[in-house]
């Protein structure tokens, strides 16, 4: 899934979401992460709502935005755009956050992360749906939709 980080250096989450004009985007999975791009935003408007809307639009392909601070109106607009927010509260290395996200993705992920992964899989066109019965009678079932496995039973 794609994660955007507010950063002035490319290596630390050190900016408030509404003031950031540079976002480093990484693709993060359970076993690997790689840099995708840097999104730059022109901060040429006086209106707070327009600044937030421009950021949400520019980051629309991301599942998560990680910032040092994110105010309520910005978090609400990101959520309306199906983008989840992570707030660090302090300057934090991007690699540290990526490591934590990878650990979370390796374990039992929270529902909001599964939703973000599912949205990312659908945006890549991965709409496969498969069913496997573990005992031939259907007592336990493994469903894969996109890249998200779900065990039922």
C-alpha atoms as a PDB file:
ATOM      1  CA  UNK A   1       0.000   0.000   0.000  1.00  0.00           C
ATOM      2  CA  UNK A   2       1.186   3.525  -0.694  1.00  0.00           C
ATOM      3  CA  UNK A   3       2.109   5.678   2.290  1.00  0.00           C
ATOM      4  CA  UNK A   4       2.872   9.400   2.063  1.00  0.00           C
ATOM      5  CA  UNK A   5       5.147  11.068   4.616  1.00  0.00           C
ATOM      6  CA  UNK A   6       5.316  14.811   5.327  1.00  0.00           C
ATOM      7  CA  UNK A   7       8.993  15.597   5.079  1.00  0.00           C
ATOM      8  CA  UNK A   8      11.338  18.431   4.276  1.00  0.00           C
ATOM      9  CA  UNK A   9      14.382  16.146   4.077  1.00  0.00           C
ATOM     10  CA  UNK A  10      13.017  12.905   2.646  1.00  0.00           C
ATOM     11  CA  UNK A  11      14.260  10.977   5.671  1.00  0.00           C
ATOM     12  CA  UNK A  12      12.212  12.313   8.603  1.00  0.00           C
ATOM     13  CA  UNK A  13       8.535  12.992   9.214  1.00  0.00           C
ATOM     14  CA  UNK A  14       9.061  16.544  10.395  1.00  0.00           C
ATOM     15  CA  UNK A  15       6.183  18.651   9.059  1.00  0.00           C
ATOM     16  CA  UNK A  16       2.587  19.455   9.853  1.00  0.00           C
ATOM     17  CA  UNK A  17       0.244  18.136   7.131  1.00  0.00           C
ATOM     18  CA  UNK A  18      -1.329  21.497   6.299  1.00  0.00           C
ATOM     19  CA  UNK A  19       2.041  23.245   6.032  1.00  0.00           C
ATOM     20  CA  UNK A  20       3.896  20.543   4.123  1.00  0.00           C
ATOM     21  CA  UNK A  21       4.613  21.184   0.455  1.00  0.00           C
ATOM     22  CA  UNK A  22       6.583  17.955   0.009  1.00  0.00           C
ATOM     23  CA  UNK A  23       5.409  14.377   0.546  1.00  0.00           C
ATOM     24  CA  UNK A  24       7.638  11.336   0.094  1.00  0.00           C
ATOM     25  CA  UNK A  25       5.584   8.351  -1.103  1.00  0.00           C
ATOM     26  CA  UNK A  26       6.617   4.758  -0.367  1.00  0.00           C
ATOM     27  CA  UNK A  27       4.988   1.455  -1.276  1.00  0.00           C
ATOM     28  CA  UNK A  28       4.982  -0.596   1.927  1.00  0.00           C
ATOM     29  CA  UNK A  29       4.249  -4.310   2.187  1.00  0.00           C
ATOM     30  CA  UNK A  30       4.849  -6.915   4.892  1.00  0.00           C
ATOM     31  CA  UNK A  31       8.235  -7.961   3.497  1.00  0.00           C
ATOM     32  CA  UNK A  32       9.526  -4.973   1.573  1.00  0.00           C
ATOM     33  CA  UNK A  33       9.166  -1.255   1.075  1.00  0.00           C
ATOM     34  CA  UNK A  34      10.416   0.963  -1.686  1.00  0.00           C
ATOM     35  CA  UNK A  35      10.429   4.646  -2.566  1.00  0.00           C
ATOM     36  CA  UNK A  36       7.896   5.598  -5.246  1.00  0.00           C
ATOM     37  CA  UNK A  37       8.035   9.375  -5.717  1.00  0.00           C
ATOM     38  CA  UNK A  38       8.046  12.782  -4.099  1.00  0.00           C
ATOM     39  CA  UNK A  39       4.851  14.801  -4.459  1.00  0.00           C
ATOM     40  CA  UNK A  40       5.315  18.554  -4.359  1.00  0.00           C
ATOM     41  CA  UNK A  41       2.401  20.892  -3.770  1.00  0.00           C
ATOM     42  CA  UNK A  42       2.305  24.571  -4.691  1.00  0.00           C
ATOM     43  CA  UNK A  43       1.221  26.526  -1.635  1.00  0.00           C
ATOM     44  CA  UNK A  44      -0.204  29.436  -3.576  1.00  0.00           C
ATOM     45  CA  UNK A  45      -3.614  29.853  -1.987  1.00  0.00           C
ATOM     46  CA  UNK A  46      -4.671  31.806   1.080  1.00  0.00           C
ATOM     47  CA  UNK A  47      -7.715  29.637   1.827  1.00  0.00           C
ATOM     48  CA  UNK A  48      -7.055  26.826   4.323  1.00  0.00           C
ATOM     49  CA  UNK A  49      -9.755  24.609   2.758  1.00  0.00           C
ATOM     50  CA  UNK A  50      -8.187  24.981  -0.696  1.00  0.00           C
ATOM     51  CA  UNK A  51      -4.722  24.070   0.661  1.00  0.00           C
ATOM     52  CA  UNK A  52      -6.098  20.947   2.320  1.00  0.00           C
ATOM     53  CA  UNK A  53      -8.127  19.982  -0.764  1.00  0.00           C
ATOM     54  CA  UNK A  54      -5.039  20.332  -2.991  1.00  0.00           C
ATOM     55  CA  UNK A  55      -3.083  17.978  -0.712  1.00  0.00           C
ATOM     56  CA  UNK A  56      -5.891  15.418  -0.542  1.00  0.00           C
ATOM     57  CA  UNK A  57      -6.209  15.428  -4.353  1.00  0.00           C
ATOM     58  CA  UNK A  58      -2.449  15.090  -4.888  1.00  0.00           C
ATOM     59  CA  UNK A  59      -2.268  12.160  -2.447  1.00  0.00           C
ATOM     60  CA  UNK A  60      -5.393  10.382  -3.693  1.00  0.00           C
ATOM     61  CA  UNK A  61      -3.441   7.263  -4.680  1.00  0.00           C
ATOM     62  CA  UNK A  62      -2.163   6.786  -1.121  1.00  0.00           C
ATOM     63  CA  UNK A  63      -3.741   4.633   1.562  1.00  0.00           C
ATOM     64  CA  UNK A  64      -2.064   6.381   4.509  1.00  0.00           C
ATOM     65  CA  UNK A  65      -0.616   9.836   5.168  1.00  0.00           C
ATOM     66  CA  UNK A  66       1.860  10.098   8.020  1.00  0.00           C
ATOM     67  CA  UNK A  67       2.571  13.545   9.462  1.00  0.00           C
ATOM     68  CA  UNK A  68       4.031  15.070  12.588  1.00  0.00           C
ATOM     69  CA  UNK A  69       0.681  16.848  13.124  1.00  0.00           C
ATOM     70  CA  UNK A  70      -2.677  16.667  11.336  1.00  0.00           C
ATOM     71  CA  UNK A  71      -5.544  18.914  12.406  1.00  0.00           C
ATOM     72  CA  UNK A  72      -9.173  17.783  12.579  1.00  0.00           C
ATOM     73  CA  UNK A  73     -10.433  19.357   9.338  1.00  0.00           C
ATOM     74  CA  UNK A  74      -7.487  17.908   7.376  1.00  0.00           C
ATOM     75  CA  UNK A  75      -7.975  14.441   8.915  1.00  0.00           C
ATOM     76  CA  UNK A  76     -11.681  14.586   8.039  1.00  0.00           C
ATOM     77  CA  UNK A  77     -10.988  15.529   4.415  1.00  0.00           C
ATOM     78  CA  UNK A  78      -8.373  12.780   4.109  1.00  0.00           C
ATOM     79  CA  UNK A  79     -10.827  10.244   5.567  1.00  0.00           C
ATOM     80  CA  UNK A  80     -13.497  11.412   3.107  1.00  0.00           C
ATOM     81  CA  UNK A  81     -10.945  10.653   0.367  1.00  0.00           C
ATOM     82  CA  UNK A  82     -10.401   7.131   1.819  1.00  0.00           C
ATOM     83  CA  UNK A  83      -6.949   8.076   3.114  1.00  0.00           C
ATOM     84  CA  UNK A  84      -6.072   7.072   6.661  1.00  0.00           C
ATOM     85  CA  UNK A  85      -3.906   9.265   8.863  1.00  0.00           C
ATOM     86  CA  UNK A  86      -1.014   8.548  11.218  1.00  0.00           C
ATOM     87  CA  UNK A  87       0.249  11.324  13.491  1.00  0.00           C
ATOM     88  CA  UNK A  88       3.705  10.967  15.036  1.00  0.00           C
ATOM     89  CA  UNK A  89       3.580  14.006  17.333  1.00  0.00           C
ATOM     90  CA  UNK A  90       7.378  14.346  17.074  1.00  0.00           C
ATOM     91  CA  UNK A  91       9.978  14.265  14.318  1.00  0.00           C
ATOM     92  CA  UNK A  92      10.441  10.574  13.451  1.00  0.00           C
ATOM     93  CA  UNK A  93      12.626   8.812  10.856  1.00  0.00           C
ATOM     94  CA  UNK A  94      10.656   7.539   7.841  1.00  0.00           C
ATOM     95  CA  UNK A  95      12.526   4.210   8.030  1.00  0.00           C
ATOM     96  CA  UNK A  96      11.361   3.712  11.628  1.00  0.00           C
ATOM     97  CA  UNK A  97       7.716   4.186  10.668  1.00  0.00           C
ATOM     98  CA  UNK A  98       8.096   1.921   7.629  1.00  0.00           C
ATOM     99  CA  UNK A  99       9.595  -0.779   9.885  1.00  0.00           C
ATOM    100  CA  UNK A 100       6.647  -0.521  12.267  1.00  0.00           C
ATOM    101  CA  UNK A 101       4.144  -0.671   9.398  1.00  0.00           C
ATOM    102  CA  UNK A 102       5.869  -3.763   7.965  1.00  0.00           C
ATOM    103  CA  UNK A 103       5.653  -5.455  11.387  1.00  0.00           C
ATOM    104  CA  UNK A 104       1.949  -4.636  11.625  1.00  0.00           C
ATOM    105  CA  UNK A 105       1.348  -5.973   8.102  1.00  0.00           C
ATOM    106  CA  UNK A 106       3.110  -9.251   8.970  1.00  0.00           C
ATOM    107  CA  UNK A 107       0.746  -9.871  11.888  1.00  0.00           C
ATOM    108  CA  UNK A 108      -2.998  -9.737  12.270  1.00  0.00           C
ATOM    109  CA  UNK A 109      -3.793  -6.389  10.755  1.00  0.00           C
ATOM    110  CA  UNK A 110      -6.395  -3.981  12.062  1.00  0.00           C
ATOM    111  CA  UNK A 111      -9.604  -3.678  10.002  1.00  0.00           C
ATOM    112  CA  UNK A 112      -8.688  -0.191   8.734  1.00  0.00           C
ATOM    113  CA  UNK A 113      -5.347  -1.477   7.422  1.00  0.00           C
ATOM    114  CA  UNK A 114      -7.063  -4.414   5.682  1.00  0.00           C
ATOM    115  CA  UNK A 115      -9.436  -1.897   4.103  1.00  0.00           C
ATOM    116  CA  UNK A 116      -6.499   0.239   2.934  1.00  0.00           C
ATOM    117  CA  UNK A 117      -4.745  -2.839   1.514  1.00  0.00           C
ATOM    118  CA  UNK A 118      -7.925  -3.899  -0.263  1.00  0.00           C
ATOM    119  CA  UNK A 119      -8.393  -0.442  -1.794  1.00  0.00           C
ATOM    120  CA  UNK A 120      -4.765  -0.483  -2.953  1.00  0.00           C
ATOM    121  CA  UNK A 121      -5.203  -3.938  -4.528  1.00  0.00           C
ATOM    122  CA  UNK A 122      -8.333  -2.782  -6.354  1.00  0.00           C
ATOM    123  CA  UNK A 123      -6.582   0.368  -7.614  1.00  0.00           C
ATOM    124  CA  UNK A 124      -3.921  -1.897  -9.163  1.00  0.00           C
ATOM    125  CA  UNK A 125      -6.690  -3.897 -10.868  1.00  0.00           C
ATOM    126  CA  UNK A 126      -6.254  -6.982  -8.669  1.00  0.00           C
ATOM    127  CA  UNK A 127      -9.840  -8.159  -8.335  1.00  0.00           C
ATOM    128  CA  UNK A 128      -9.249 -11.886  -8.047  1.00  0.00           C
ATOM    129  CA  UNK A 129     -11.578 -13.754  -5.760  1.00  0.00           C
ATOM    130  CA  UNK A 130     -10.802 -17.321  -4.734  1.00  0.00           C
ATOM    131  CA  UNK A 131     -12.148 -19.825  -2.231  1.00  0.00           C
ATOM    132  CA  UNK A 132     -10.351 -22.812  -0.717  1.00  0.00           C
ATOM    133  CA  UNK A 133     -11.853 -25.368   1.632  1.00  0.00           C
ATOM    134  CA  UNK A 134      -9.338 -26.754   4.102  1.00  0.00           C
ATOM    135  CA  UNK A 135     -11.065 -30.096   4.729  1.00  0.00           C
ATOM    136  CA  UNK A 136     -13.139 -30.786   1.610  1.00  0.00           C
ATOM    137  CA  UNK A 137     -16.400 -30.276   3.501  1.00  0.00           C
ATOM    138  CA  UNK A 138     -16.244 -26.498   3.697  1.00  0.00           C
ATOM    139  CA  UNK A 139     -15.832 -26.420   7.488  1.00  0.00           C
ATOM    140  CA  UNK A 140     -13.062 -23.846   7.241  1.00  0.00           C
ATOM    141  CA  UNK A 141     -12.686 -21.519   4.324  1.00  0.00           C
ATOM    142  CA  UNK A 142      -9.886 -19.304   3.096  1.00  0.00           C
ATOM    143  CA  UNK A 143     -11.029 -16.416   0.934  1.00  0.00           C
ATOM    144  CA  UNK A 144      -8.684 -14.187  -1.022  1.00  0.00           C
ATOM    145  CA  UNK A 145     -10.027 -10.988  -2.493  1.00  0.00           C
ATOM    146  CA  UNK A 146      -7.303  -9.023  -4.213  1.00  0.00           C
ATOM    147  CA  UNK A 147      -4.266  -9.405  -1.968  1.00  0.00           C
ATOM    148  CA  UNK A 148      -6.267  -9.739   1.291  1.00  0.00           C
ATOM    149  CA  UNK A 149      -6.609 -13.265   2.730  1.00  0.00           C
ATOM    150  CA  UNK A 150      -9.466 -13.831   5.182  1.00  0.00           C
ATOM    151  CA  UNK A 151      -9.918 -17.036   7.179  1.00  0.00           C
ATOM    152  CA  UNK A 152     -13.447 -18.062   8.060  1.00  0.00           C
ATOM    153  CA  UNK A 153     -14.376 -21.072  10.067  1.00  0.00           C
END
